[in-house]
Protein backbone atom coordinates (compact mmCIF):
# COMPACT_ATOMS: atom_id res chain seq x y z
CA MET A 1 0.00 0.00 0.00
CA ARG A 2 2.82 2.39 0.80
CA PHE A 3 4.24 2.08 -2.73
CA TRP A 4 0.88 3.06 -4.21
CA HIS A 5 1.16 6.50 -2.55
CA LEU A 6 4.69 6.89 -3.83
CA GLY A 7 3.43 6.20 -7.37
CA LEU A 8 0.75 8.88 -7.00
CA LEU A 9 3.33 11.41 -5.83
CA LEU A 10 5.56 10.64 -8.81
CA VAL A 11 2.67 11.02 -11.27
CA GLU A 12 1.53 14.25 -9.61
CA GLY A 13 5.07 15.65 -9.80
CA ALA A 14 5.40 14.73 -13.48
CA VAL A 15 2.07 16.39 -14.35
CA SER A 16 3.05 19.49 -12.39
CA LEU A 17 6.38 19.77 -14.22
CA THR A 18 4.68 19.25 -17.60
CA CYS A 19 2.11 21.98 -16.95
CA THR A 20 4.83 24.38 -15.82
CA ALA A 21 6.84 23.71 -18.96
CA LEU A 22 3.80 24.21 -21.21
CA GLU A 23 2.80 27.47 -19.52
CA SER A 24 6.28 28.99 -19.82
CA GLY A 25 6.33 29.12 -23.63
CA PRO A 26 4.44 31.25 -26.15
CA LYS A 27 0.69 30.76 -26.37
CA GLN A 28 -1.67 31.12 -29.29
CA VAL A 29 -4.91 33.06 -28.90
CA CYS A 30 -7.69 33.03 -31.53
CA GLY A 31 -10.65 35.37 -31.47
CA THR A 32 -12.25 38.60 -32.61
CA VAL A 33 -10.86 42.12 -32.25
CA VAL A 34 -12.81 44.06 -29.63
CA GLY A 35 -10.53 47.10 -29.62
CA THR A 36 -7.10 48.62 -29.98
CA LEU A 37 -5.48 51.47 -28.11
CA ASN A 38 -1.89 52.64 -28.62
CA ASP A 39 0.15 49.41 -28.33
CA THR A 40 -2.64 47.28 -26.83
CA LEU A 41 -4.96 44.79 -28.51
CA VAL A 42 -8.17 43.46 -26.94
CA VAL A 43 -9.41 40.13 -28.32
CA ARG A 44 -12.47 38.11 -27.31
CA GLU A 45 -11.95 34.39 -27.84
CA PHE A 46 -14.45 32.62 -30.08
CA ASP A 47 -16.07 30.97 -27.04
CA GLN A 48 -17.31 34.49 -26.12
CA ARG A 49 -16.34 33.91 -22.47
CA THR A 50 -12.69 34.88 -22.42
CA SER A 51 -11.11 38.20 -23.35
CA HIS A 52 -7.42 39.06 -23.63
CA THR A 53 -5.86 42.49 -23.32
CA ASP A 54 -2.24 42.27 -24.43
CA ARG A 55 0.51 44.70 -25.34
CA VAL A 56 1.86 44.28 -28.85
CA SER A 57 5.63 44.27 -29.33
CA ARG A 58 7.04 47.01 -31.55
CA SER A 59 8.70 44.27 -33.60
CA ALA A 60 5.53 42.16 -33.94
CA VAL A 61 4.79 40.76 -37.39
CA ILE A 62 1.23 41.80 -38.30
CA THR A 63 -0.72 40.83 -41.42
CA ARG A 64 -4.31 41.56 -42.40
CA ASP A 65 -5.84 39.60 -45.27
CA GLY A 66 -2.35 38.36 -46.16
CA ARG A 67 -0.80 41.84 -46.45
CA PRO A 68 1.58 43.56 -44.04
CA ALA A 69 -0.32 45.76 -41.61
CA LYS A 70 0.00 47.88 -38.48
CA LEU A 71 -1.91 47.49 -35.24
CA ALA A 72 -3.97 50.56 -36.14
CA ASP A 73 -5.13 48.77 -39.33
CA LEU A 74 -7.00 46.12 -37.32
CA LYS A 75 -10.74 46.80 -37.07
CA LEU A 76 -13.53 45.73 -34.74
CA GLY A 77 -14.79 42.30 -35.72
CA ASP A 78 -11.61 41.18 -37.51
CA SER A 79 -10.73 37.54 -36.78
CA VAL A 80 -7.23 37.17 -35.39
CA GLN A 81 -4.72 34.57 -34.39
CA MET A 82 -1.98 35.97 -32.21
CA LEU A 83 1.11 34.57 -30.61
CA VAL A 84 1.72 35.82 -27.06
CA GLY A 85 5.13 35.39 -25.47
CA SER A 86 5.79 33.66 -22.17
CA PRO A 87 4.21 34.80 -18.88
CA GLN A 88 7.54 36.44 -18.03
CA ARG A 89 7.31 38.53 -21.23
CA PRO A 90 3.60 38.68 -22.22
CA LEU A 91 3.95 40.65 -25.46
CA VAL A 92 2.17 39.79 -28.70
CA THR A 93 4.84 38.86 -31.25
CA LYS A 94 2.69 37.86 -34.23
CA ILE A 95 -0.83 38.68 -35.44
CA VAL A 96 -2.60 37.15 -38.43
CA ALA A 97 -5.86 39.04 -39.02
CA THR A 98 -8.69 38.48 -41.48
CA THR A 99 -11.42 41.03 -42.10
CA ALA A 100 -14.89 40.02 -41.04
CA GLN A 101 -16.14 40.04 -44.65
CA HIS A 102 -13.37 37.71 -45.91
CA SER A 103 -13.62 34.97 -43.32
CA THR A 104 -15.93 33.50 -40.76
CA ARG A 105 -13.03 32.30 -38.60
CA PRO A 106 -9.36 31.50 -39.08
CA SER A 107 -8.55 27.82 -38.95
CA PRO A 108 -6.89 26.92 -35.65
CA ARG A 109 -3.46 26.12 -37.08
CA ARG A 110 -0.30 26.82 -35.14
CA LEU A 111 1.41 30.14 -35.76
CA GLN A 112 5.13 29.99 -36.33
CA GLN A 113 7.25 32.11 -34.04
CA HIS A 114 9.21 34.69 -36.00
């Protein structure tokens, strides 16, 4: 019986380490533009329950409908996929936007870090 508890502790430790490692890297957010202000982008995820307010890096790669764009070019209702850096440096490094009239939703493919 004592070894059973040891096994649980080992599994719990492994899961904890895995979650920590996954949370420390960049994360992808998909949703709809709710607003922009200066260097900040507000996105509501497609589930309509979660919103993200993130600062955009000055060196972020931004495209809209496949063309290079600036943060100010993004409009309310645009669908976006964005790559947000680690929790230690939570800046948006990449944004792929599609105007509301061109797409219903971007496909949830992984963005490549630039």
